[in-house]
Amino acid sequence: MSDVMSDEWLFQVRINLSDEFAEIARRDPDNAAIRPLADILKKHNAKLSCQFDAFAGYVAEAEQNGTDKYPLYQWTKDTIEDPAKKAKYIKAFTLYVDGDEVYAREKADPLEADLKPLAGGDMVTRLTKHDTNPANNPQPPKKYQQ
């Protein structure tokens, strides 16, 4: 039954880039310096999304539309304003496939496999795959829960 259950979850591949390549990926994703990564992403119709930039976008959207409608607003705002967390998340990227933030295992596994040779190198310092099972994902600290 566990195989059946695991097939119900969607997945997300994430990578961390070194400082130098993270800045290039954020500002110029077509730069030749990241071509090995860009070629893999193109093959899988995947795009990079910097987690820090996504968090900042969420905060800006919440502030424009009313923070009461955004339950993770304060936690996210505190995260992007913390210099240590900013340094961490500015190098962390979520990979969207076919425009989706989470996707079927049939898309996640081949993407992960193609990225593995880059992992641990000068460009891609970390490669992870996550599922949508709430038990495997961090929840907001108590002080941020409503």
C-alpha atoms as a PDB file:
ATOM      1  CA  MET A   1       0.000   0.000   0.000  1.00  0.00           C
ATOM      2  CA  SER A   2       2.880   2.399   0.565  1.00  0.00           C
ATOM      3  CA  ASP A   3       3.713   2.367  -3.157  1.00  0.00           C
ATOM      4  CA  VAL A   4       0.138   3.315  -3.946  1.00  0.00           C
ATOM      5  CA  MET A   5       0.296   6.137  -1.414  1.00  0.00           C
ATOM      6  CA  SER A   6       3.614   7.455  -2.689  1.00  0.00           C
ATOM      7  CA  ASP A   7       2.195   7.596  -6.216  1.00  0.00           C
ATOM      8  CA  GLU A   8      -0.382  10.086  -4.959  1.00  0.00           C
ATOM      9  CA  TRP A   9       2.237  12.670  -3.996  1.00  0.00           C
ATOM     10  CA  LEU A  10       3.635  15.230  -6.350  1.00  0.00           C
ATOM     11  CA  PHE A  11       7.310  16.138  -6.387  1.00  0.00           C
ATOM     12  CA  GLN A  12       9.641  19.084  -6.687  1.00  0.00           C
ATOM     13  CA  VAL A  13      13.317  19.117  -7.556  1.00  0.00           C
ATOM     14  CA  ARG A  14      15.490  21.779  -5.946  1.00  0.00           C
ATOM     15  CA  ILE A  15      19.102  22.750  -6.390  1.00  0.00           C
ATOM     16  CA  ASN A  16      21.557  24.997  -4.618  1.00  0.00           C
ATOM     17  CA  LEU A  17      24.107  26.864  -6.665  1.00  0.00           C
ATOM     18  CA  SER A  18      27.460  28.285  -5.623  1.00  0.00           C
ATOM     19  CA  ASP A  19      27.526  32.041  -4.960  1.00  0.00           C
ATOM     20  CA  GLU A  20      28.947  32.893  -8.386  1.00  0.00           C
ATOM     21  CA  PHE A  21      26.499  30.766 -10.359  1.00  0.00           C
ATOM     22  CA  ALA A  22      23.480  31.670  -8.211  1.00  0.00           C
ATOM     23  CA  GLU A  23      23.884  35.328  -9.118  1.00  0.00           C
ATOM     24  CA  ILE A  24      24.242  34.480 -12.821  1.00  0.00           C
ATOM     25  CA  ALA A  25      21.187  32.188 -12.710  1.00  0.00           C
ATOM     26  CA  ARG A  26      19.081  34.876 -11.027  1.00  0.00           C
ATOM     27  CA  ARG A  27      20.085  37.707 -13.367  1.00  0.00           C
ATOM     28  CA  ASP A  28      20.913  36.001 -16.674  1.00  0.00           C
ATOM     29  CA  PRO A  29      19.598  32.414 -16.926  1.00  0.00           C
ATOM     30  CA  ASP A  30      20.723  32.203 -20.575  1.00  0.00           C
ATOM     31  CA  ASN A  31      24.359  33.012 -19.716  1.00  0.00           C
ATOM     32  CA  ALA A  32      26.858  30.611 -21.302  1.00  0.00           C
ATOM     33  CA  ALA A  33      28.500  30.087 -17.892  1.00  0.00           C
ATOM     34  CA  ILE A  34      25.532  27.962 -16.794  1.00  0.00           C
ATOM     35  CA  ARG A  35      24.948  26.245 -20.147  1.00  0.00           C
ATOM     36  CA  PRO A  36      25.330  22.665 -18.781  1.00  0.00           C
ATOM     37  CA  LEU A  37      22.514  23.377 -16.323  1.00  0.00           C
ATOM     38  CA  ALA A  38      20.459  25.341 -18.847  1.00  0.00           C
ATOM     39  CA  ASP A  39      20.662  22.498 -21.375  1.00  0.00           C
ATOM     40  CA  ILE A  40      19.262  20.016 -18.842  1.00  0.00           C
ATOM     41  CA  LEU A  41      16.490  22.410 -17.854  1.00  0.00           C
ATOM     42  CA  LYS A  42      15.563  22.970 -21.496  1.00  0.00           C
ATOM     43  CA  LYS A  43      15.401  19.216 -22.123  1.00  0.00           C
ATOM     44  CA  HIS A  44      12.836  18.882 -19.306  1.00  0.00           C
ATOM     45  CA  ASN A  45      10.977  22.145 -20.018  1.00  0.00           C
ATOM     46  CA  ALA A  46      12.105  23.283 -16.565  1.00  0.00           C
ATOM     47  CA  LYS A  47      12.819  26.751 -15.248  1.00  0.00           C
ATOM     48  CA  LEU A  48      14.735  27.992 -12.230  1.00  0.00           C
ATOM     49  CA  SER A  49      12.963  29.964  -9.523  1.00  0.00           C
ATOM     50  CA  CYS A  50      15.194  31.495  -6.856  1.00  0.00           C
ATOM     51  CA  GLN A  51      13.577  30.781  -3.490  1.00  0.00           C
ATOM     52  CA  PHE A  52      14.596  34.159  -2.056  1.00  0.00           C
ATOM     53  CA  ASP A  53      13.048  35.970  -5.028  1.00  0.00           C
ATOM     54  CA  ALA A  54       9.876  33.882  -4.705  1.00  0.00           C
ATOM     55  CA  PHE A  55       9.651  34.708  -0.986  1.00  0.00           C
ATOM     56  CA  ALA A  56      10.177  38.417  -1.690  1.00  0.00           C
ATOM     57  CA  GLY A  57       7.474  38.265  -4.374  1.00  0.00           C
ATOM     58  CA  TYR A  58       5.052  36.647  -1.925  1.00  0.00           C
ATOM     59  CA  VAL A  59       5.711  39.383   0.648  1.00  0.00           C
ATOM     60  CA  ALA A  60       5.263  42.150  -1.940  1.00  0.00           C
ATOM     61  CA  GLU A  61       2.018  40.589  -3.192  1.00  0.00           C
ATOM     62  CA  ALA A  62       0.717  40.245   0.371  1.00  0.00           C
ATOM     63  CA  GLU A  63       1.550  43.860   1.169  1.00  0.00           C
ATOM     64  CA  GLN A  64      -0.235  44.992  -1.991  1.00  0.00           C
ATOM     65  CA  ASN A  65      -3.351  42.849  -1.489  1.00  0.00           C
ATOM     66  CA  GLY A  66      -3.681  42.800   2.300  1.00  0.00           C
ATOM     67  CA  THR A  67      -1.506  40.642   4.532  1.00  0.00           C
ATOM     68  CA  ASP A  68      -4.532  39.125   6.287  1.00  0.00           C
ATOM     69  CA  LYS A  69      -5.120  36.998   3.158  1.00  0.00           C
ATOM     70  CA  TYR A  70      -1.583  35.549   3.295  1.00  0.00           C
ATOM     71  CA  PRO A  71      -1.159  33.203   6.249  1.00  0.00           C
ATOM     72  CA  LEU A  72       2.604  32.827   5.752  1.00  0.00           C
ATOM     73  CA  TYR A  73       3.245  36.553   5.355  1.00  0.00           C
ATOM     74  CA  GLN A  74       5.000  37.304   8.665  1.00  0.00           C
ATOM     75  CA  TRP A  75       7.086  34.116   8.606  1.00  0.00           C
ATOM     76  CA  THR A  76       8.153  34.809   5.026  1.00  0.00           C
ATOM     77  CA  LYS A  77       8.882  38.480   5.722  1.00  0.00           C
ATOM     78  CA  ASP A  78      10.987  37.582   8.765  1.00  0.00           C
ATOM     79  CA  THR A  79      12.851  35.033   6.646  1.00  0.00           C
ATOM     80  CA  ILE A  80      13.832  37.444   3.865  1.00  0.00           C
ATOM     81  CA  GLU A  81      14.856  40.117   6.376  1.00  0.00           C
ATOM     82  CA  ASP A  82      17.224  37.736   8.225  1.00  0.00           C
ATOM     83  CA  PRO A  83      20.704  38.109   6.638  1.00  0.00           C
ATOM     84  CA  ALA A  84      21.685  34.478   7.317  1.00  0.00           C
ATOM     85  CA  LYS A  85      18.472  33.150   5.800  1.00  0.00           C
ATOM     86  CA  LYS A  86      18.770  35.511   2.837  1.00  0.00           C
ATOM     87  CA  ALA A  87      22.282  34.165   2.175  1.00  0.00           C
ATOM     88  CA  LYS A  88      20.864  30.626   2.248  1.00  0.00           C
ATOM     89  CA  TYR A  89      17.794  31.161   0.082  1.00  0.00           C
ATOM     90  CA  ILE A  90      19.475  33.377  -2.521  1.00  0.00           C
ATOM     91  CA  LYS A  91      21.421  30.253  -3.615  1.00  0.00           C
ATOM     92  CA  ALA A  92      18.409  27.895  -3.440  1.00  0.00           C
ATOM     93  CA  PHE A  93      16.323  27.287  -6.546  1.00  0.00           C
ATOM     94  CA  THR A  94      13.057  25.465  -7.108  1.00  0.00           C
ATOM     95  CA  LEU A  95      12.714  23.844 -10.518  1.00  0.00           C
ATOM     96  CA  TYR A  96       9.359  24.355 -12.217  1.00  0.00           C
ATOM     97  CA  VAL A  97       8.483  21.811 -14.916  1.00  0.00           C
ATOM     98  CA  ASP A  98       5.967  22.702 -17.616  1.00  0.00           C
ATOM     99  CA  GLY A  99       5.164  25.775 -15.515  1.00  0.00           C
ATOM    100  CA  ASP A 100       4.248  23.680 -12.459  1.00  0.00           C
ATOM    101  CA  GLU A 101       5.794  24.045  -8.994  1.00  0.00           C
ATOM    102  CA  VAL A 102       5.056  20.378  -8.199  1.00  0.00           C
ATOM    103  CA  TYR A 103       4.767  17.542 -10.700  1.00  0.00           C
ATOM    104  CA  ALA A 104       4.430  13.806 -11.146  1.00  0.00           C
ATOM    105  CA  ARG A 105       7.245  11.418 -10.312  1.00  0.00           C
ATOM    106  CA  GLU A 106       7.489  10.654 -14.046  1.00  0.00           C
ATOM    107  CA  LYS A 107       8.789  14.194 -14.562  1.00  0.00           C
ATOM    108  CA  ALA A 108      10.766  14.584 -11.340  1.00  0.00           C
ATOM    109  CA  ASP A 109      12.830  11.389 -11.535  1.00  0.00           C
ATOM    110  CA  PRO A 110      14.334  11.936 -15.020  1.00  0.00           C
ATOM    111  CA  LEU A 111      15.099  15.581 -14.188  1.00  0.00           C
ATOM    112  CA  GLU A 112      16.817  14.546 -10.983  1.00  0.00           C
ATOM    113  CA  ALA A 113      18.777  11.821 -12.817  1.00  0.00           C
ATOM    114  CA  ASP A 114      20.034  14.252 -15.465  1.00  0.00           C
ATOM    115  CA  LEU A 115      21.086  16.768 -12.803  1.00  0.00           C
ATOM    116  CA  LYS A 116      22.975  14.236 -10.643  1.00  0.00           C
ATOM    117  CA  PRO A 117      26.251  14.493 -12.606  1.00  0.00           C
ATOM    118  CA  LEU A 118      26.340  18.248 -11.853  1.00  0.00           C
ATOM    119  CA  ALA A 119      25.565  17.841  -8.137  1.00  0.00           C
ATOM    120  CA  GLY A 120      28.452  18.448  -5.784  1.00  0.00           C
ATOM    121  CA  GLY A 121      30.393  20.303  -8.442  1.00  0.00           C
ATOM    122  CA  ASP A 122      31.458  23.921  -8.827  1.00  0.00           C
ATOM    123  CA  MET A 123      28.033  25.033 -10.010  1.00  0.00           C
ATOM    124  CA  VAL A 124      25.394  22.802  -8.373  1.00  0.00           C
ATOM    125  CA  THR A 125      26.328  22.360  -4.736  1.00  0.00           C
ATOM    126  CA  ARG A 126      23.203  20.433  -3.732  1.00  0.00           C
ATOM    127  CA  LEU A 127      20.375  18.496  -5.378  1.00  0.00           C
ATOM    128  CA  THR A 128      17.231  17.373  -3.573  1.00  0.00           C
ATOM    129  CA  LYS A 129      13.801  16.030  -4.443  1.00  0.00           C
ATOM    130  CA  HIS A 130      10.822  16.706  -2.199  1.00  0.00           C
ATOM    131  CA  ASP A 131       7.295  15.340  -2.134  1.00  0.00           C
ATOM    132  CA  THR A 132       4.034  17.003  -1.164  1.00  0.00           C
ATOM    133  CA  ASN A 133       3.397  14.702   1.800  1.00  0.00           C
ATOM    134  CA  PRO A 134       2.779  17.157   4.688  1.00  0.00           C
ATOM    135  CA  ALA A 135       4.570  14.801   7.073  1.00  0.00           C
ATOM    136  CA  ASN A 136       7.791  15.397   5.116  1.00  0.00           C
ATOM    137  CA  ASN A 137       7.562  19.188   4.981  1.00  0.00           C
ATOM    138  CA  PRO A 138       8.303  21.776   7.645  1.00  0.00           C
ATOM    139  CA  GLN A 139       5.383  23.608   9.149  1.00  0.00           C
ATOM    140  CA  PRO A 140       5.472  27.237  10.296  1.00  0.00           C
ATOM    141  CA  PRO A 141       6.759  27.728  13.846  1.00  0.00           C
ATOM    142  CA  LYS A 142       3.990  28.078  16.441  1.00  0.00           C
ATOM    143  CA  LYS A 143       4.424  31.860  16.680  1.00  0.00           C
ATOM    144  CA  TYR A 144       3.412  32.166  12.994  1.00  0.00           C
ATOM    145  CA  GLN A 145       0.424  29.829  13.084  1.00  0.00           C
ATOM    146  CA  GLN A 146      -2.979  31.449  13.207  1.00  0.00           C
END
